Amino acid sequence: MRVEVAYALPEKQKIIALEVEEGCTVRDAVRRSNIQVFFPDVDVETVKVGIFGKAVRNAEEQALKEGERVELYRELKVDPKQARANRAAKNN
């Protein structure tokens, strides 16, 4: 079955298409994508992941379905609530 693994930085994005067997887990797909070749700072064992924008809680156990896109998430530099508060303070 065909799935995709995607990762993006502000200046660079990559989507890797993979053929995997039924029962392939989210984490297995991330490992098989070799995404770290393009983004050496990505730790494929610990990176937070989701499928089509919805976070996956247990990437080691959740099996993929045909056509799904696994997205790798970057660590946030600033908490979103704090970022909003900073913008509000700047506008006042």
N, C-alpha and C. Protein backbone atom coordinates (compact mmCIF):
# COMPACT_ATOMS: atom_id res chain seq x y z
N MET A 1 0.85 -1.17 0.00
CA MET A 1 0.00 0.00 0.00
C MET A 1 0.89 1.23 0.00
N ARG A 2 0.36 2.31 -0.51
CA ARG A 2 1.14 3.54 -0.66
C ARG A 2 0.79 4.53 0.45
N VAL A 3 1.82 5.08 1.09
CA VAL A 3 1.67 6.12 2.12
C VAL A 3 2.73 7.18 1.87
N GLU A 4 2.62 8.29 2.57
CA GLU A 4 3.61 9.36 2.46
C GLU A 4 4.09 9.77 3.85
N VAL A 5 5.33 10.24 3.90
CA VAL A 5 5.91 10.81 5.11
C VAL A 5 6.34 12.23 4.75
N ALA A 6 5.90 13.21 5.54
CA ALA A 6 6.15 14.61 5.23
C ALA A 6 6.79 15.33 6.40
N TYR A 7 7.70 16.25 6.06
CA TYR A 7 8.32 17.11 7.06
C TYR A 7 8.60 18.45 6.41
N ALA A 8 8.49 19.52 7.18
CA ALA A 8 8.71 20.85 6.61
C ALA A 8 9.39 21.76 7.62
N LEU A 9 10.30 22.53 7.09
CA LEU A 9 10.89 23.67 7.78
C LEU A 9 10.41 24.90 7.04
N PRO A 10 10.57 26.09 7.59
CA PRO A 10 10.09 27.27 6.86
C PRO A 10 10.70 27.40 5.46
N GLU A 11 11.93 26.95 5.30
CA GLU A 11 12.61 27.13 4.02
C GLU A 11 12.72 25.86 3.18
N LYS A 12 12.28 24.72 3.70
CA LYS A 12 12.47 23.46 2.98
C LYS A 12 11.40 22.46 3.40
N GLN A 13 10.81 21.77 2.42
CA GLN A 13 9.80 20.75 2.69
C GLN A 13 10.14 19.49 1.90
N LYS A 14 9.67 18.35 2.40
CA LYS A 14 9.90 17.09 1.70
C LYS A 14 8.75 16.15 1.99
N ILE A 15 8.22 15.53 0.92
CA ILE A 15 7.22 14.48 1.05
C ILE A 15 7.80 13.25 0.37
N ILE A 16 7.86 12.17 1.12
CA ILE A 16 8.45 10.93 0.60
C ILE A 16 7.34 9.89 0.48
N ALA A 17 7.14 9.37 -0.73
CA ALA A 17 6.15 8.32 -0.97
C ALA A 17 6.81 6.97 -0.71
N LEU A 18 6.07 6.11 -0.03
CA LEU A 18 6.57 4.77 0.31
C LEU A 18 5.55 3.71 -0.07
N GLU A 19 6.05 2.53 -0.41
CA GLU A 19 5.21 1.34 -0.53
C GLU A 19 5.49 0.50 0.71
N VAL A 20 4.45 0.25 1.50
CA VAL A 20 4.60 -0.52 2.74
C VAL A 20 3.56 -1.64 2.76
N GLU A 21 3.79 -2.63 3.60
CA GLU A 21 2.85 -3.74 3.72
C GLU A 21 1.73 -3.36 4.68
N GLU A 22 0.61 -4.08 4.56
CA GLU A 22 -0.50 -3.91 5.50
C GLU A 22 0.03 -4.11 6.91
N GLY A 23 -0.43 -3.31 7.84
CA GLY A 23 -0.01 -3.43 9.23
C GLY A 23 1.22 -2.62 9.58
N CYS A 24 1.80 -1.94 8.60
CA CYS A 24 2.97 -1.08 8.87
C CYS A 24 2.55 0.02 9.83
N THR A 25 3.35 0.23 10.88
CA THR A 25 3.00 1.25 11.86
C THR A 25 3.50 2.62 11.41
N VAL A 26 2.98 3.63 12.06
CA VAL A 26 3.40 5.00 11.78
C VAL A 26 4.91 5.15 11.99
N ARG A 27 5.42 4.65 13.11
CA ARG A 27 6.85 4.78 13.40
C ARG A 27 7.69 4.02 12.37
N ASP A 28 7.23 2.83 11.95
CA ASP A 28 7.96 2.08 10.93
C ASP A 28 8.06 2.88 9.63
N ALA A 29 6.98 3.52 9.24
CA ALA A 29 7.00 4.32 8.01
C ALA A 29 7.98 5.48 8.13
N VAL A 30 8.02 6.11 9.29
CA VAL A 30 8.97 7.21 9.51
C VAL A 30 10.40 6.69 9.37
N ARG A 31 10.67 5.54 9.98
CA ARG A 31 12.02 4.95 9.88
C ARG A 31 12.37 4.63 8.42
N ARG A 32 11.45 4.01 7.72
CA ARG A 32 11.71 3.58 6.34
C ARG A 32 11.85 4.74 5.36
N SER A 33 11.31 5.89 5.72
CA SER A 33 11.36 7.05 4.82
C SER A 33 12.78 7.60 4.66
N ASN A 34 13.66 7.31 5.63
CA ASN A 34 15.01 7.88 5.64
C ASN A 34 15.00 9.40 5.59
N ILE A 35 14.01 9.99 6.22
CA ILE A 35 13.85 11.45 6.22
C ILE A 35 15.07 12.15 6.81
N GLN A 36 15.80 11.47 7.69
CA GLN A 36 16.97 12.09 8.32
C GLN A 36 18.09 12.38 7.31
N VAL A 37 18.03 11.76 6.13
CA VAL A 37 19.00 12.08 5.07
C VAL A 37 18.81 13.54 4.64
N PHE A 38 17.56 13.98 4.58
CA PHE A 38 17.24 15.34 4.16
C PHE A 38 17.23 16.32 5.33
N PHE A 39 16.91 15.81 6.52
CA PHE A 39 16.81 16.64 7.73
C PHE A 39 17.57 15.93 8.85
N PRO A 40 18.89 16.09 8.91
CA PRO A 40 19.70 15.35 9.89
C PRO A 40 19.32 15.59 11.35
N ASP A 41 18.66 16.69 11.65
CA ASP A 41 18.30 16.98 13.04
C ASP A 41 17.06 16.22 13.51
N VAL A 42 16.36 15.55 12.60
CA VAL A 42 15.15 14.80 12.97
C VAL A 42 15.54 13.47 13.59
N ASP A 43 15.05 13.21 14.79
CA ASP A 43 15.26 11.92 15.44
C ASP A 43 14.03 11.07 15.16
N VAL A 44 14.17 10.11 14.25
CA VAL A 44 13.02 9.31 13.81
C VAL A 44 12.41 8.47 14.92
N GLU A 45 13.15 8.26 16.00
CA GLU A 45 12.64 7.45 17.11
C GLU A 45 11.77 8.25 18.08
N THR A 46 11.95 9.56 18.12
CA THR A 46 11.24 10.36 19.12
C THR A 46 10.39 11.50 18.55
N VAL A 47 10.53 11.80 17.27
CA VAL A 47 9.79 12.92 16.69
C VAL A 47 8.29 12.70 16.86
N LYS A 48 7.58 13.77 17.19
CA LYS A 48 6.12 13.71 17.32
C LYS A 48 5.54 13.64 15.91
N VAL A 49 4.47 12.84 15.77
CA VAL A 49 3.90 12.60 14.45
C VAL A 49 2.39 12.71 14.47
N GLY A 50 1.82 12.86 13.28
CA GLY A 50 0.37 12.87 13.11
C GLY A 50 0.03 12.33 11.73
N ILE A 51 -1.25 12.13 11.52
CA ILE A 51 -1.75 11.71 10.22
C ILE A 51 -2.74 12.76 9.76
N PHE A 52 -2.43 13.41 8.64
CA PHE A 52 -3.28 14.48 8.11
C PHE A 52 -3.65 15.50 9.17
N GLY A 53 -2.66 15.92 9.97
CA GLY A 53 -2.86 16.99 10.94
C GLY A 53 -3.44 16.57 12.28
N LYS A 54 -3.69 15.30 12.46
CA LYS A 54 -4.22 14.82 13.74
C LYS A 54 -3.13 14.03 14.44
N ALA A 55 -2.77 14.45 15.65
CA ALA A 55 -1.67 13.82 16.39
C ALA A 55 -1.92 12.34 16.62
N VAL A 56 -0.85 11.57 16.54
CA VAL A 56 -0.89 10.14 16.81
C VAL A 56 -0.27 9.93 18.18
N ARG A 57 -1.00 9.29 19.07
CA ARG A 57 -0.50 9.09 20.43
C ARG A 57 0.51 7.97 20.53
N ASN A 58 0.28 6.86 19.83
CA ASN A 58 1.19 5.72 19.93
C ASN A 58 1.64 5.29 18.53
N ALA A 59 2.69 5.94 18.05
CA ALA A 59 3.19 5.69 16.70
C ALA A 59 3.75 4.29 16.53
N GLU A 60 4.15 3.66 17.63
CA GLU A 60 4.70 2.30 17.56
C GLU A 60 3.62 1.26 17.31
N GLU A 61 2.38 1.59 17.62
CA GLU A 61 1.30 0.61 17.50
C GLU A 61 0.28 0.93 16.42
N GLN A 62 0.09 2.21 16.11
CA GLN A 62 -0.96 2.57 15.15
C GLN A 62 -0.57 2.17 13.73
N ALA A 63 -1.41 1.34 13.12
CA ALA A 63 -1.17 0.90 11.74
C ALA A 63 -1.69 1.95 10.76
N LEU A 64 -1.01 2.05 9.65
CA LEU A 64 -1.40 2.99 8.60
C LEU A 64 -2.42 2.36 7.66
N LYS A 65 -3.16 3.24 6.98
CA LYS A 65 -4.10 2.82 5.95
C LYS A 65 -3.63 3.38 4.61
N GLU A 66 -4.07 2.76 3.55
CA GLU A 66 -3.73 3.18 2.19
C GLU A 66 -3.95 4.68 2.02
N GLY A 67 -2.95 5.36 1.47
CA GLY A 67 -3.07 6.77 1.13
C GLY A 67 -2.85 7.76 2.25
N GLU A 68 -2.59 7.30 3.47
CA GLU A 68 -2.39 8.24 4.57
C GLU A 68 -1.05 8.95 4.46
N ARG A 69 -1.01 10.16 5.01
CA ARG A 69 0.24 10.94 5.04
C ARG A 69 0.64 11.15 6.50
N VAL A 70 1.81 10.64 6.83
CA VAL A 70 2.39 10.83 8.16
C VAL A 70 3.12 12.16 8.15
N GLU A 71 2.82 13.00 9.11
CA GLU A 71 3.47 14.30 9.22
C GLU A 71 4.34 14.33 10.47
N LEU A 72 5.55 14.78 10.31
CA LEU A 72 6.48 14.92 11.43
C LEU A 72 6.38 16.35 11.94
N TYR A 73 6.31 16.50 13.25
CA TYR A 73 6.12 17.83 13.84
C TYR A 73 7.40 18.33 14.49
N ARG A 74 7.69 19.60 14.23
CA ARG A 74 8.83 20.26 14.87
C ARG A 74 8.47 20.64 16.28
N GLU A 75 9.49 20.74 17.12
CA GLU A 75 9.27 21.23 18.49
C GLU A 75 8.92 22.71 18.41
N LEU A 76 7.98 23.14 19.24
CA LEU A 76 7.62 24.55 19.28
C LEU A 76 8.69 25.35 20.00
N LYS A 77 9.01 26.50 19.44
CA LYS A 77 10.00 27.37 20.09
C LYS A 77 9.36 28.20 21.18
N VAL A 78 8.08 28.53 20.99
CA VAL A 78 7.33 29.31 21.97
C VAL A 78 5.95 28.67 22.12
N ASP A 79 5.48 28.57 23.34
CA ASP A 79 4.15 28.06 23.60
C ASP A 79 3.14 28.94 22.86
N PRO A 80 2.17 28.35 22.14
CA PRO A 80 1.20 29.16 21.38
C PRO A 80 0.47 30.20 22.22
N LYS A 81 0.13 29.86 23.46
CA LYS A 81 -0.54 30.83 24.34
C LYS A 81 0.37 32.01 24.63
N GLN A 82 1.64 31.73 24.87
CA GLN A 82 2.59 32.80 25.14
C GLN A 82 2.80 33.65 23.89
N ALA A 83 2.84 33.03 22.72
CA ALA A 83 3.01 33.78 21.47
C ALA A 83 1.85 34.75 21.26
N ARG A 84 0.61 34.30 21.53
CA ARG A 84 -0.55 35.18 21.41
C ARG A 84 -0.47 36.33 22.41
N ALA A 85 -0.05 36.02 23.63
CA ALA A 85 0.07 37.07 24.65
C ALA A 85 1.13 38.08 24.24
N ASN A 86 2.22 37.60 23.66
CA ASN A 86 3.29 38.51 23.20
C ASN A 86 2.78 39.42 22.08
N ARG A 87 2.02 38.84 21.14
CA ARG A 87 1.48 39.66 20.04
C ARG A 87 0.48 40.69 20.57
N ALA A 88 -0.35 40.28 21.51
CA ALA A 88 -1.34 41.20 22.09
C ALA A 88 -0.65 42.35 22.81
N ALA A 89 0.40 42.03 23.56
CA ALA A 89 1.14 43.07 24.29
C ALA A 89 1.82 44.03 23.32
N LYS A 90 2.30 43.49 22.22
CA LYS A 90 3.00 44.33 21.21
C LYS A 90 2.02 45.28 20.53
N ASN A 91 0.77 44.84 20.32
CA ASN A 91 -0.23 45.67 19.65
C ASN A 91 -0.86 46.70 20.56
N ASN A 92 -0.64 46.63 21.85
CA ASN A 92 -1.23 47.59 22.79
C ASN A 92 -0.29 48.69 23.13
